[in-house]
Amino acid sequence: MRYSQYVGLVYRALAASFVGSVVFALALMASAFYNFPSTKINLIGITGTNGKTTTATLLHELYTQLSYKCGLISTVTNKVVNK
């Protein structure tokens, strides 16, 4: 084994021993890189069998009428703030 291969193997072993989940660590690094964007938005998710699009549309209209900046993603339409 060449020296560079050995060093790469050691780095991977160290990374695996210090981080329990590489996916979780990558998510944290990406969030930090973009200055934690999820702390700057509020999100409402609607689950269930029936009425999700109707409920989402009604909430979008309500918050728009109350002068909140909001967007909507549904199976029928996608609306971005002020567009």
N, C-alpha and C. Protein backbone atom coordinates (compact mmCIF):
# COMPACT_ATOMS: atom_id res chain seq x y z
N MET A 1 0.85 -1.17 0.00
CA MET A 1 0.00 0.00 0.00
C MET A 1 0.90 1.24 0.00
N ARG A 2 0.58 2.19 -0.88
CA ARG A 2 1.34 3.43 -0.94
C ARG A 2 0.98 4.32 0.24
N TYR A 3 1.85 5.26 0.55
CA TYR A 3 1.65 6.16 1.69
C TYR A 3 0.34 6.96 1.56
N SER A 4 0.06 7.49 0.38
CA SER A 4 -1.16 8.30 0.18
C SER A 4 -2.42 7.47 0.40
N GLN A 5 -2.39 6.22 0.00
CA GLN A 5 -3.55 5.36 0.24
C GLN A 5 -3.72 5.09 1.73
N TYR A 6 -2.61 4.91 2.41
CA TYR A 6 -2.65 4.67 3.85
C TYR A 6 -3.22 5.89 4.57
N VAL A 7 -2.76 7.09 4.19
CA VAL A 7 -3.25 8.32 4.83
C VAL A 7 -4.74 8.49 4.59
N GLY A 8 -5.19 8.22 3.37
CA GLY A 8 -6.62 8.31 3.06
C GLY A 8 -7.43 7.33 3.90
N LEU A 9 -6.92 6.14 4.08
CA LEU A 9 -7.60 5.13 4.88
C LEU A 9 -7.69 5.58 6.34
N VAL A 10 -6.62 6.17 6.87
CA VAL A 10 -6.61 6.66 8.25
C VAL A 10 -7.62 7.79 8.42
N TYR A 11 -7.65 8.72 7.46
CA TYR A 11 -8.60 9.83 7.55
C TYR A 11 -10.04 9.32 7.55
N ARG A 12 -10.35 8.36 6.69
CA ARG A 12 -11.71 7.82 6.66
C ARG A 12 -12.06 7.13 7.96
N ALA A 13 -11.11 6.41 8.53
CA ALA A 13 -11.35 5.72 9.80
C ALA A 13 -11.56 6.73 10.92
N LEU A 14 -10.78 7.79 10.94
CA LEU A 14 -10.95 8.82 11.97
C LEU A 14 -12.28 9.53 11.82
N ALA A 15 -12.65 9.86 10.59
CA ALA A 15 -13.93 10.53 10.36
C ALA A 15 -15.09 9.65 10.81
N ALA A 16 -15.01 8.36 10.54
CA ALA A 16 -16.07 7.45 10.93
C ALA A 16 -16.14 7.30 12.44
N SER A 17 -15.00 7.41 13.12
CA SER A 17 -15.02 7.22 14.57
C SER A 17 -15.49 8.48 15.30
N PHE A 18 -15.31 9.65 14.70
CA PHE A 18 -15.72 10.89 15.35
C PHE A 18 -17.15 11.29 15.03
N VAL A 19 -17.66 10.81 13.92
CA VAL A 19 -19.01 11.18 13.49
C VAL A 19 -19.85 9.91 13.43
N GLY A 20 -20.94 9.91 14.19
CA GLY A 20 -21.81 8.74 14.20
C GLY A 20 -22.55 8.56 12.89
N SER A 21 -22.99 9.66 12.30
CA SER A 21 -23.74 9.61 11.04
C SER A 21 -23.16 10.64 10.08
N VAL A 22 -22.61 10.18 8.99
CA VAL A 22 -22.04 11.08 8.00
C VAL A 22 -23.13 11.95 7.38
N VAL A 23 -24.30 11.39 7.15
CA VAL A 23 -25.41 12.14 6.57
C VAL A 23 -25.81 13.28 7.50
N PHE A 24 -25.92 13.00 8.79
CA PHE A 24 -26.28 14.03 9.76
C PHE A 24 -25.20 15.11 9.83
N ALA A 25 -23.94 14.70 9.82
CA ALA A 25 -22.83 15.65 9.86
C ALA A 25 -22.84 16.54 8.62
N LEU A 26 -23.10 15.97 7.45
CA LEU A 26 -23.17 16.75 6.22
C LEU A 26 -24.33 17.75 6.28
N ALA A 27 -25.46 17.33 6.82
CA ALA A 27 -26.61 18.23 6.96
C ALA A 27 -26.26 19.41 7.87
N LEU A 28 -25.58 19.13 8.97
CA LEU A 28 -25.19 20.22 9.87
C LEU A 28 -24.20 21.17 9.21
N MET A 29 -23.25 20.62 8.47
CA MET A 29 -22.27 21.48 7.79
C MET A 29 -22.93 22.34 6.72
N ALA A 30 -23.86 21.77 5.97
CA ALA A 30 -24.56 22.53 4.94
C ALA A 30 -25.41 23.63 5.57
N SER A 31 -26.07 23.31 6.65
CA SER A 31 -26.88 24.31 7.36
C SER A 31 -26.02 25.45 7.88
N ALA A 32 -24.87 25.13 8.44
CA ALA A 32 -23.96 26.16 8.94
C ALA A 32 -23.40 26.99 7.78
N PHE A 33 -23.08 26.34 6.67
CA PHE A 33 -22.52 27.04 5.51
C PHE A 33 -23.49 28.10 5.00
N TYR A 34 -24.79 27.76 4.99
CA TYR A 34 -25.81 28.70 4.51
C TYR A 34 -26.41 29.54 5.63
N ASN A 35 -25.73 29.61 6.79
CA ASN A 35 -26.13 30.46 7.91
C ASN A 35 -27.48 30.06 8.50
N PHE A 36 -27.72 28.79 8.63
CA PHE A 36 -28.89 28.22 9.30
C PHE A 36 -30.21 28.81 8.77
N PRO A 37 -30.55 28.55 7.50
CA PRO A 37 -31.75 29.16 6.91
C PRO A 37 -33.06 28.71 7.56
N SER A 38 -33.09 27.53 8.15
CA SER A 38 -34.34 27.05 8.74
C SER A 38 -34.74 27.82 9.99
N THR A 39 -33.82 28.61 10.55
CA THR A 39 -34.18 29.43 11.71
C THR A 39 -34.88 30.71 11.29
N LYS A 40 -34.91 30.99 10.00
CA LYS A 40 -35.48 32.24 9.51
C LYS A 40 -36.85 32.08 8.87
N ILE A 41 -37.38 30.86 8.84
CA ILE A 41 -38.69 30.65 8.23
C ILE A 41 -39.58 29.83 9.16
N ASN A 42 -40.86 30.01 8.99
CA ASN A 42 -41.84 29.16 9.65
C ASN A 42 -42.46 28.28 8.58
N LEU A 43 -42.71 27.04 8.91
CA LEU A 43 -43.21 26.08 7.94
C LEU A 43 -44.41 25.36 8.52
N ILE A 44 -45.45 25.21 7.71
CA ILE A 44 -46.62 24.44 8.10
C ILE A 44 -46.73 23.27 7.13
N GLY A 45 -46.76 22.07 7.65
CA GLY A 45 -46.94 20.87 6.84
C GLY A 45 -48.30 20.27 7.15
N ILE A 46 -49.01 19.85 6.12
CA ILE A 46 -50.35 19.30 6.29
C ILE A 46 -50.34 17.85 5.82
N THR A 47 -50.75 16.94 6.69
CA THR A 47 -50.80 15.53 6.34
C THR A 47 -52.22 15.01 6.48
N GLY A 48 -52.48 13.88 5.93
CA GLY A 48 -53.80 13.27 6.03
C GLY A 48 -54.19 12.66 4.71
N THR A 49 -55.41 12.18 4.65
CA THR A 49 -55.90 11.52 3.46
C THR A 49 -56.62 12.47 2.52
N ASN A 50 -57.52 13.26 3.06
CA ASN A 50 -58.35 14.15 2.23
C ASN A 50 -58.25 15.59 2.72
N GLY A 51 -58.32 16.54 1.77
CA GLY A 51 -58.43 17.94 2.12
C GLY A 51 -57.12 18.70 2.29
N LYS A 52 -55.99 18.10 1.95
CA LYS A 52 -54.71 18.78 2.15
C LYS A 52 -54.58 20.02 1.27
N THR A 53 -54.92 19.91 -0.01
CA THR A 53 -54.80 21.05 -0.92
C THR A 53 -55.75 22.16 -0.52
N THR A 54 -56.96 21.81 -0.16
CA THR A 54 -57.94 22.81 0.27
C THR A 54 -57.47 23.52 1.53
N THR A 55 -56.99 22.77 2.49
CA THR A 55 -56.51 23.37 3.74
C THR A 55 -55.31 24.26 3.49
N ALA A 56 -54.37 23.80 2.68
CA ALA A 56 -53.18 24.60 2.37
C ALA A 56 -53.56 25.89 1.65
N THR A 57 -54.50 25.81 0.71
CA THR A 57 -54.94 26.99 -0.03
C THR A 57 -55.65 27.97 0.89
N LEU A 58 -56.49 27.47 1.76
CA LEU A 58 -57.18 28.36 2.72
C LEU A 58 -56.19 29.04 3.65
N LEU A 59 -55.21 28.31 4.15
CA LEU A 59 -54.20 28.92 5.02
C LEU A 59 -53.37 29.96 4.27
N HIS A 60 -53.04 29.66 3.02
CA HIS A 60 -52.29 30.62 2.20
C HIS A 60 -53.08 31.91 2.03
N GLU A 61 -54.35 31.80 1.71
CA GLU A 61 -55.19 32.98 1.55
C GLU A 61 -55.34 33.74 2.87
N LEU A 62 -55.50 33.03 3.97
CA LEU A 62 -55.62 33.66 5.28
C LEU A 62 -54.37 34.46 5.62
N TYR A 63 -53.21 33.84 5.50
CA TYR A 63 -51.97 34.52 5.84
C TYR A 63 -51.65 35.66 4.87
N THR A 64 -52.04 35.51 3.61
CA THR A 64 -51.85 36.60 2.65
C THR A 64 -52.72 37.79 3.03
N GLN A 65 -53.97 37.53 3.40
CA GLN A 65 -54.87 38.61 3.81
C GLN A 65 -54.41 39.28 5.10
N LEU A 66 -53.70 38.56 5.95
CA LEU A 66 -53.16 39.12 7.19
C LEU A 66 -51.79 39.77 6.98
N SER A 67 -51.38 39.92 5.73
CA SER A 67 -50.14 40.60 5.32
C SER A 67 -48.87 39.85 5.71
N TYR A 68 -48.95 38.55 5.83
CA TYR A 68 -47.74 37.74 6.04
C TYR A 68 -47.16 37.40 4.67
N LYS A 69 -45.85 37.29 4.59
CA LYS A 69 -45.22 36.78 3.38
C LYS A 69 -45.34 35.26 3.43
N CYS A 70 -45.96 34.68 2.42
CA CYS A 70 -46.10 33.23 2.44
C CYS A 70 -46.09 32.68 1.03
N GLY A 71 -45.77 31.42 0.95
CA GLY A 71 -45.79 30.70 -0.31
C GLY A 71 -46.64 29.46 -0.16
N LEU A 72 -46.92 28.82 -1.27
CA LEU A 72 -47.78 27.63 -1.26
C LEU A 72 -47.24 26.62 -2.26
N ILE A 73 -47.09 25.40 -1.81
CA ILE A 73 -46.73 24.30 -2.70
C ILE A 73 -47.80 23.22 -2.51
N SER A 74 -48.50 22.92 -3.57
CA SER A 74 -49.52 21.88 -3.50
C SER A 74 -49.55 21.13 -4.82
N THR A 75 -50.42 20.13 -4.91
CA THR A 75 -50.53 19.36 -6.16
C THR A 75 -51.21 20.17 -7.25
N VAL A 76 -51.90 21.24 -6.89
CA VAL A 76 -52.63 22.05 -7.87
C VAL A 76 -51.82 23.26 -8.33
N THR A 77 -51.12 23.91 -7.39
CA THR A 77 -50.43 25.15 -7.73
C THR A 77 -49.19 25.34 -6.85
N ASN A 78 -48.30 26.17 -7.33
CA ASN A 78 -47.14 26.61 -6.56
C ASN A 78 -47.14 28.13 -6.60
N LYS A 79 -47.15 28.76 -5.44
CA LYS A 79 -47.15 30.22 -5.37
C LYS A 79 -45.95 30.69 -4.57
N VAL A 80 -45.25 31.68 -5.11
CA VAL A 80 -44.11 32.27 -4.43
C VAL A 80 -44.54 33.64 -3.96
N VAL A 81 -43.93 34.13 -2.88
CA VAL A 81 -44.29 35.43 -2.31
C VAL A 81 -44.29 36.50 -3.40
N ASN A 82 -45.38 37.25 -3.48
CA ASN A 82 -45.53 38.39 -4.41
C ASN A 82 -45.41 38.00 -5.88
N LYS A 83 -45.71 36.77 -6.25
CA LYS A 83 -45.65 36.39 -7.67
C LYS A 83 -46.88 35.60 -8.05
